[in-house]
């Protein structure tokens, strides 16, 4: 998409279809995020985006997650097209004692789309840990 979009705005509109729910597109959140991204004085170059995507595609660490000793909460969006819930579940299953939740109506960015719920969930997670 980044190589073929006519301009950065069109790229972000297309890219964000994969990241945010239809509701975020309809309620103006995506428009706001696009405006903020375009106003950022240091935009990511297409070359660095390609490098980032290449790194993601080849960075597989599932076999090392068993060494994570920190309390872990994995939240997956039921509507996440980029990282479907089964991938989050695989991460949680690989981390000893990790908690896993699927938020059925969330997509890839619940911390932006459902920030109050997300923050409350994190606060509850941290508050319930054994010290």
N, C-alpha and C. Protein backbone atom coordinates (compact mmCIF):
# COMPACT_ATOMS: atom_id res chain seq x y z
N UNK A 1 0.82 -1.20 0.00
CA UNK A 1 0.00 0.00 0.00
C UNK A 1 0.86 1.26 0.00
N UNK A 2 1.94 1.22 0.77
CA UNK A 2 2.73 2.44 0.89
C UNK A 2 3.39 2.81 -0.44
N UNK A 3 3.65 1.82 -1.29
CA UNK A 3 4.28 2.11 -2.58
C UNK A 3 3.29 2.58 -3.63
N UNK A 4 2.02 2.27 -3.45
CA UNK A 4 1.05 2.54 -4.50
C UNK A 4 0.00 3.59 -4.15
N UNK A 5 -0.06 3.98 -2.91
CA UNK A 5 -1.03 5.02 -2.52
C UNK A 5 -0.64 6.34 -3.17
N UNK A 6 -1.61 7.11 -3.60
CA UNK A 6 -1.28 8.37 -4.27
C UNK A 6 -0.66 9.42 -3.35
N UNK A 7 -0.90 9.31 -2.04
CA UNK A 7 -0.34 10.26 -1.09
C UNK A 7 -0.43 9.67 0.32
N UNK A 8 0.24 10.29 1.28
CA UNK A 8 0.24 9.74 2.65
C UNK A 8 -1.17 9.61 3.25
N UNK A 9 -2.04 10.55 2.96
CA UNK A 9 -3.40 10.48 3.50
C UNK A 9 -4.11 9.23 2.99
N UNK A 10 -4.01 8.98 1.70
CA UNK A 10 -4.66 7.79 1.12
C UNK A 10 -4.06 6.52 1.69
N UNK A 11 -2.73 6.50 1.89
CA UNK A 11 -2.10 5.34 2.50
C UNK A 11 -2.67 5.08 3.88
N UNK A 12 -2.72 6.12 4.72
CA UNK A 12 -3.22 5.93 6.08
C UNK A 12 -4.68 5.48 6.09
N UNK A 13 -5.48 6.04 5.21
CA UNK A 13 -6.88 5.60 5.14
C UNK A 13 -6.96 4.11 4.84
N UNK A 14 -6.16 3.65 3.89
CA UNK A 14 -6.18 2.23 3.52
C UNK A 14 -5.59 1.36 4.63
N UNK A 15 -4.47 1.79 5.19
CA UNK A 15 -3.80 1.03 6.24
C UNK A 15 -4.68 0.91 7.47
N UNK A 16 -5.32 1.98 7.85
CA UNK A 16 -6.13 1.97 9.07
C UNK A 16 -7.40 1.13 8.93
N UNK A 17 -7.77 0.74 7.71
CA UNK A 17 -8.87 -0.21 7.56
C UNK A 17 -8.53 -1.54 8.22
N UNK A 18 -7.25 -1.87 8.28
CA UNK A 18 -6.78 -3.11 8.88
C UNK A 18 -6.60 -3.00 10.38
N UNK A 19 -6.55 -1.79 10.91
CA UNK A 19 -6.15 -1.57 12.29
C UNK A 19 -7.32 -1.23 13.21
N UNK A 20 -8.29 -0.50 12.70
CA UNK A 20 -9.38 0.02 13.54
C UNK A 20 -10.72 -0.56 13.12
N UNK A 21 -11.67 -0.56 14.05
CA UNK A 21 -13.01 -1.05 13.78
C UNK A 21 -13.77 -0.09 12.87
N UNK A 22 -14.84 -0.60 12.31
CA UNK A 22 -15.71 0.25 11.48
C UNK A 22 -16.24 1.42 12.31
N UNK A 23 -16.51 1.17 13.59
CA UNK A 23 -17.01 2.24 14.46
C UNK A 23 -16.00 3.38 14.58
N UNK A 24 -14.72 3.05 14.66
CA UNK A 24 -13.68 4.09 14.75
C UNK A 24 -13.59 4.90 13.47
N UNK A 25 -13.90 4.27 12.37
CA UNK A 25 -13.92 4.99 11.09
C UNK A 25 -15.16 5.89 11.02
N UNK A 26 -16.27 5.41 11.56
CA UNK A 26 -17.52 6.16 11.50
C UNK A 26 -17.59 7.29 12.52
N UNK A 27 -16.98 7.11 13.69
CA UNK A 27 -17.14 8.12 14.75
C UNK A 27 -16.08 9.22 14.72
N UNK A 28 -15.20 9.20 13.73
CA UNK A 28 -14.23 10.27 13.58
C UNK A 28 -12.87 10.00 14.20
N UNK A 29 -12.72 8.91 14.96
CA UNK A 29 -11.44 8.62 15.58
C UNK A 29 -10.34 8.45 14.53
N UNK A 30 -10.62 7.69 13.49
CA UNK A 30 -9.62 7.44 12.46
C UNK A 30 -9.25 8.75 11.75
N UNK A 31 -10.23 9.58 11.47
CA UNK A 31 -9.93 10.88 10.85
C UNK A 31 -8.99 11.69 11.74
N UNK A 32 -9.25 11.69 13.03
CA UNK A 32 -8.40 12.41 13.99
C UNK A 32 -6.98 11.83 13.99
N UNK A 33 -6.87 10.50 14.00
CA UNK A 33 -5.56 9.86 14.01
C UNK A 33 -4.78 10.13 12.73
N UNK A 34 -5.48 10.19 11.61
CA UNK A 34 -4.83 10.51 10.34
C UNK A 34 -4.31 11.94 10.37
N UNK A 35 -5.14 12.86 10.84
CA UNK A 35 -4.70 14.26 10.95
C UNK A 35 -3.46 14.37 11.84
N UNK A 36 -3.47 13.68 12.98
CA UNK A 36 -2.32 13.72 13.89
C UNK A 36 -1.08 13.13 13.24
N UNK A 37 -1.25 12.02 12.54
CA UNK A 37 -0.11 11.38 11.89
C UNK A 37 0.48 12.28 10.80
N UNK A 38 -0.38 12.93 10.03
CA UNK A 38 0.09 13.80 8.96
C UNK A 38 0.73 15.07 9.50
N UNK A 39 0.33 15.48 10.70
CA UNK A 39 0.91 16.69 11.30
C UNK A 39 2.24 16.41 11.99
N UNK A 40 2.55 15.14 12.22
CA UNK A 40 3.79 14.78 12.92
C UNK A 40 4.99 15.26 12.08
N UNK A 41 5.91 15.99 12.69
CA UNK A 41 6.99 16.61 11.91
C UNK A 41 8.06 15.63 11.41
N UNK A 42 8.02 14.38 11.86
CA UNK A 42 9.04 13.41 11.46
C UNK A 42 8.36 12.14 10.93
N UNK A 43 7.75 12.20 9.76
CA UNK A 43 7.02 11.04 9.26
C UNK A 43 7.95 9.88 8.92
N UNK A 44 7.40 8.69 9.01
CA UNK A 44 8.15 7.49 8.66
C UNK A 44 8.27 7.42 7.14
N UNK A 45 9.44 7.14 6.64
CA UNK A 45 9.65 7.03 5.20
C UNK A 45 9.14 5.68 4.71
N UNK A 46 8.79 5.60 3.44
CA UNK A 46 8.39 4.29 2.90
C UNK A 46 9.48 3.23 3.09
N UNK A 47 10.73 3.61 2.93
CA UNK A 47 11.82 2.66 3.12
C UNK A 47 11.85 2.12 4.55
N UNK A 48 11.69 2.98 5.53
CA UNK A 48 11.73 2.50 6.91
C UNK A 48 10.49 1.67 7.24
N UNK A 49 9.36 1.97 6.60
CA UNK A 49 8.16 1.15 6.79
C UNK A 49 8.41 -0.25 6.23
N UNK A 50 9.04 -0.34 5.07
CA UNK A 50 9.37 -1.66 4.52
C UNK A 50 10.30 -2.42 5.45
N UNK A 51 11.29 -1.74 6.01
CA UNK A 51 12.21 -2.40 6.92
C UNK A 51 11.50 -2.87 8.18
N UNK A 52 10.59 -2.06 8.69
CA UNK A 52 9.83 -2.42 9.88
C UNK A 52 8.98 -3.67 9.60
N UNK A 53 8.28 -3.67 8.49
CA UNK A 53 7.44 -4.81 8.14
C UNK A 53 8.28 -6.07 7.92
N UNK A 54 9.44 -5.91 7.31
CA UNK A 54 10.34 -7.04 7.11
C UNK A 54 10.81 -7.60 8.45
N UNK A 55 11.14 -6.70 9.38
CA UNK A 55 11.56 -7.14 10.71
C UNK A 55 10.44 -7.90 11.41
N UNK A 56 9.23 -7.39 11.32
CA UNK A 56 8.10 -8.08 11.95
C UNK A 56 7.89 -9.46 11.34
N UNK A 57 8.00 -9.54 10.03
CA UNK A 57 7.73 -10.80 9.34
C UNK A 57 8.74 -11.89 9.70
N UNK A 58 9.94 -11.50 10.04
CA UNK A 58 10.99 -12.47 10.30
C UNK A 58 11.40 -12.58 11.77
N UNK A 59 10.71 -11.88 12.65
CA UNK A 59 11.06 -11.88 14.07
C UNK A 59 10.11 -12.82 14.80
N UNK A 60 10.55 -14.03 14.99
CA UNK A 60 9.72 -15.04 15.65
C UNK A 60 10.41 -15.43 16.96
N UNK A 61 9.74 -15.15 18.06
CA UNK A 61 10.35 -15.41 19.38
C UNK A 61 9.47 -16.26 20.28
N UNK A 62 8.52 -16.94 19.70
CA UNK A 62 7.59 -17.73 20.50
C UNK A 62 8.33 -18.73 21.39
N UNK A 63 9.41 -19.29 20.90
CA UNK A 63 10.15 -20.28 21.67
C UNK A 63 10.86 -19.69 22.88
N UNK A 64 11.01 -18.36 22.93
CA UNK A 64 11.69 -17.72 24.07
C UNK A 64 10.72 -17.16 25.10
N UNK A 65 9.44 -17.16 24.80
CA UNK A 65 8.47 -16.54 25.70
C UNK A 65 8.36 -17.27 27.04
N UNK A 66 8.74 -18.51 27.09
CA UNK A 66 8.71 -19.26 28.34
C UNK A 66 9.65 -18.69 29.39
N UNK A 67 10.56 -17.85 28.98
CA UNK A 67 11.50 -17.24 29.93
C UNK A 67 10.96 -15.95 30.54
N UNK A 68 9.82 -15.48 30.07
CA UNK A 68 9.23 -14.27 30.63
C UNK A 68 8.77 -14.58 32.05
N UNK A 69 9.26 -13.79 32.99
CA UNK A 69 8.90 -14.01 34.39
C UNK A 69 8.01 -12.94 34.96
N UNK A 70 7.74 -11.92 34.18
CA UNK A 70 6.90 -10.81 34.64
C UNK A 70 5.42 -11.17 34.50
N UNK A 71 4.60 -10.65 35.40
CA UNK A 71 3.16 -10.83 35.24
C UNK A 71 2.74 -10.31 33.87
N UNK A 72 1.91 -11.09 33.19
CA UNK A 72 1.58 -10.77 31.81
C UNK A 72 0.08 -10.88 31.58
N UNK A 73 -0.45 -9.88 30.93
CA UNK A 73 -1.84 -9.86 30.48
C UNK A 73 -1.81 -9.66 28.98
N UNK A 74 -2.41 -10.57 28.24
CA UNK A 74 -2.50 -10.46 26.79
C UNK A 74 -3.95 -10.21 26.44
N UNK A 75 -4.20 -9.09 25.77
CA UNK A 75 -5.55 -8.74 25.34
C UNK A 75 -5.58 -8.80 23.82
N UNK A 76 -6.51 -9.57 23.30
CA UNK A 76 -6.66 -9.70 21.85
C UNK A 76 -8.01 -9.14 21.44
N UNK A 77 -8.00 -8.47 20.31
CA UNK A 77 -9.25 -7.96 19.75
C UNK A 77 -9.90 -9.02 18.88
N UNK A 78 -11.15 -9.28 19.13
CA UNK A 78 -11.89 -10.26 18.34
C UNK A 78 -12.01 -9.88 16.88
N UNK A 79 -11.89 -8.60 16.58
CA UNK A 79 -11.97 -8.12 15.20
C UNK A 79 -10.60 -7.72 14.64
N UNK A 80 -9.55 -8.17 15.29
CA UNK A 80 -8.19 -7.80 14.85
C UNK A 80 -7.83 -8.59 13.60
N UNK A 81 -7.67 -7.87 12.49
CA UNK A 81 -7.31 -8.51 11.23
C UNK A 81 -5.80 -8.74 11.13
N UNK A 82 -5.02 -7.94 11.84
CA UNK A 82 -3.56 -8.02 11.77
C UNK A 82 -3.03 -9.14 12.66
N UNK A 83 -3.50 -9.19 13.89
CA UNK A 83 -3.09 -10.22 14.86
C UNK A 83 -4.35 -10.85 15.44
N UNK A 84 -4.93 -11.81 14.75
CA UNK A 84 -6.17 -12.43 15.24
C UNK A 84 -5.97 -13.05 16.63
N UNK A 85 -7.06 -13.24 17.35
CA UNK A 85 -6.96 -13.73 18.72
C UNK A 85 -6.14 -15.01 18.89
N UNK A 86 -6.15 -15.90 17.93
CA UNK A 86 -5.38 -17.14 18.12
C UNK A 86 -3.88 -16.86 18.26
N UNK A 87 -3.39 -15.76 17.69
CA UNK A 87 -1.98 -15.41 17.86
C UNK A 87 -1.71 -14.89 19.27
N UNK A 88 -2.61 -14.09 19.79
CA UNK A 88 -2.48 -13.63 21.18
C UNK A 88 -2.57 -14.79 22.16
N UNK A 89 -3.43 -15.73 21.85
CA UNK A 89 -3.56 -16.90 22.72
C UNK A 89 -2.27 -17.73 22.71
N UNK A 90 -1.64 -17.85 21.55
CA UNK A 90 -0.37 -18.57 21.46
C UNK A 90 0.70 -17.88 22.31
N UNK A 91 0.72 -16.56 22.29
CA UNK A 91 1.67 -15.81 23.11
C UNK A 91 1.38 -16.07 24.59
N UNK A 92 0.13 -15.93 24.99
CA UNK A 92 -0.23 -16.14 26.40
C UNK A 92 0.07 -17.57 26.84
N UNK A 93 -0.21 -18.53 25.98
CA UNK A 93 0.05 -19.93 26.34
C UNK A 93 1.54 -20.20 26.54
N UNK A 94 2.38 -19.44 25.85
CA UNK A 94 3.83 -19.64 25.94
C UNK A 94 4.47 -18.96 27.15
N UNK A 95 3.75 -18.03 27.78
CA UNK A 95 4.27 -17.29 28.92
C UNK A 95 3.68 -17.89 30.20
N UNK A 96 4.52 -18.40 31.09
CA UNK A 96 4.01 -19.00 32.32
C UNK A 96 3.12 -18.05 33.11
N UNK A 97 1.92 -18.52 33.41
CA UNK A 97 1.00 -17.75 34.24
C UNK A 97 0.32 -16.57 33.55
N UNK A 98 0.53 -16.40 32.27
CA UNK A 98 -0.08 -15.26 31.58
C UNK A 98 -1.60 -15.38 31.57
N UNK A 99 -2.24 -14.24 31.65
CA UNK A 99 -3.69 -14.17 31.52
C UNK A 99 -4.01 -13.77 30.09
N UNK A 100 -5.07 -14.32 29.54
CA UNK A 100 -5.47 -14.04 28.16
C UNK A 100 -6.93 -13.67 28.11
N UNK A 101 -7.22 -12.60 27.38
CA UNK A 101 -8.61 -12.16 27.20
C UNK A 101 -8.83 -11.79 25.74
N UNK A 102 -10.01 -12.09 25.25
CA UNK A 102 -10.43 -11.62 23.93
C UNK A 102 -11.55 -10.62 24.15
N UNK A 103 -11.36 -9.44 23.59
CA UNK A 103 -12.42 -8.44 23.60
C UNK A 103 -13.09 -8.54 22.24
N UNK A 104 -14.30 -9.12 22.19
CA UNK A 104 -14.93 -9.47 20.92
C UNK A 104 -15.12 -8.31 19.94
N UNK A 105 -15.41 -7.12 20.43
CA UNK A 105 -15.67 -6.01 19.49
C UNK A 105 -14.46 -5.12 19.26
N UNK A 106 -13.30 -5.49 19.83
CA UNK A 106 -12.09 -4.69 19.65
C UNK A 106 -11.34 -5.15 18.41
N UNK A 107 -10.54 -4.24 17.87
CA UNK A 107 -9.66 -4.57 16.75
C UNK A 107 -8.22 -4.59 17.26
N UNK A 108 -7.31 -3.98 16.51
CA UNK A 108 -5.88 -4.06 16.83
C UNK A 108 -5.43 -3.05 17.88
N UNK A 109 -6.19 -1.99 18.10
CA UNK A 109 -5.76 -0.92 18.98
C UNK A 109 -6.78 -0.62 20.08
N UNK A 110 -7.10 -1.58 20.94
CA UNK A 110 -8.10 -1.29 21.97
C UNK A 110 -7.67 -0.19 22.93
N UNK A 111 -6.36 0.00 23.09
CA UNK A 111 -5.88 1.07 23.98
C UNK A 111 -6.23 2.45 23.44
N UNK A 112 -6.53 2.56 22.15
CA UNK A 112 -6.97 3.83 21.58
C UNK A 112 -8.49 3.87 21.46
N UNK A 113 -9.07 2.80 20.96
CA UNK A 113 -10.52 2.80 20.73
C UNK A 113 -11.33 2.68 22.01
N UNK A 114 -10.81 1.96 22.98
CA UNK A 114 -11.51 1.74 24.25
C UNK A 114 -10.57 2.10 25.40
N UNK A 115 -10.02 3.30 25.35
CA UNK A 115 -8.97 3.67 26.30
C UNK A 115 -9.42 3.59 27.76
N UNK A 116 -10.63 4.02 28.07
CA UNK A 116 -11.07 3.95 29.46
C UNK A 116 -11.16 2.51 29.95
N UNK A 117 -11.75 1.66 29.14
CA UNK A 117 -11.86 0.24 29.50
C UNK A 117 -10.47 -0.38 29.59
N UNK A 118 -9.62 -0.07 28.63
CA UNK A 118 -8.27 -0.62 28.61
C UNK A 118 -7.49 -0.21 29.86
N UNK A 119 -7.52 1.08 30.18
CA UNK A 119 -6.80 1.57 31.36
C UNK A 119 -7.36 0.96 32.65
N UNK A 120 -8.68 0.85 32.73
CA UNK A 120 -9.29 0.24 33.92
C UNK A 120 -8.87 -1.22 34.04
N UNK A 121 -8.80 -1.91 32.92
CA UNK A 121 -8.40 -3.32 32.97
C UNK A 121 -6.96 -3.47 33.43
N UNK A 122 -6.08 -2.60 32.92
CA UNK A 122 -4.68 -2.65 33.35
C UNK A 122 -4.54 -2.31 34.83
N UNK A 123 -5.28 -1.31 35.28
CA UNK A 123 -5.23 -0.96 36.71
C UNK A 123 -5.68 -2.14 37.56
N UNK A 124 -6.74 -2.82 37.15
CA UNK A 124 -7.23 -3.98 37.90
C UNK A 124 -6.21 -5.11 37.86
N UNK A 125 -5.58 -5.33 36.71
CA UNK A 125 -4.56 -6.37 36.58
C UNK A 125 -3.43 -6.11 37.56
N UNK A 126 -2.90 -4.89 37.56
CA UNK A 126 -1.78 -4.57 38.45
C UNK A 126 -2.21 -4.60 39.92
N UNK A 127 -3.42 -4.17 40.21
CA UNK A 127 -3.88 -4.14 41.60
C UNK A 127 -4.07 -5.54 42.17
N UNK A 128 -4.34 -6.52 41.32
CA UNK A 128 -4.60 -7.88 41.80
C UNK A 128 -3.37 -8.77 41.84
N UNK A 129 -2.21 -8.22 41.55
CA UNK A 129 -1.00 -9.03 41.60
C UNK A 129 -0.53 -9.20 43.04
N UNK A 130 0.00 -10.35 43.31
CA UNK A 130 0.63 -10.57 44.60
C UNK A 130 1.91 -9.77 44.64
N UNK A 131 2.12 -9.04 45.68
CA UNK A 131 3.31 -8.18 45.76
C UNK A 131 4.50 -9.00 46.10
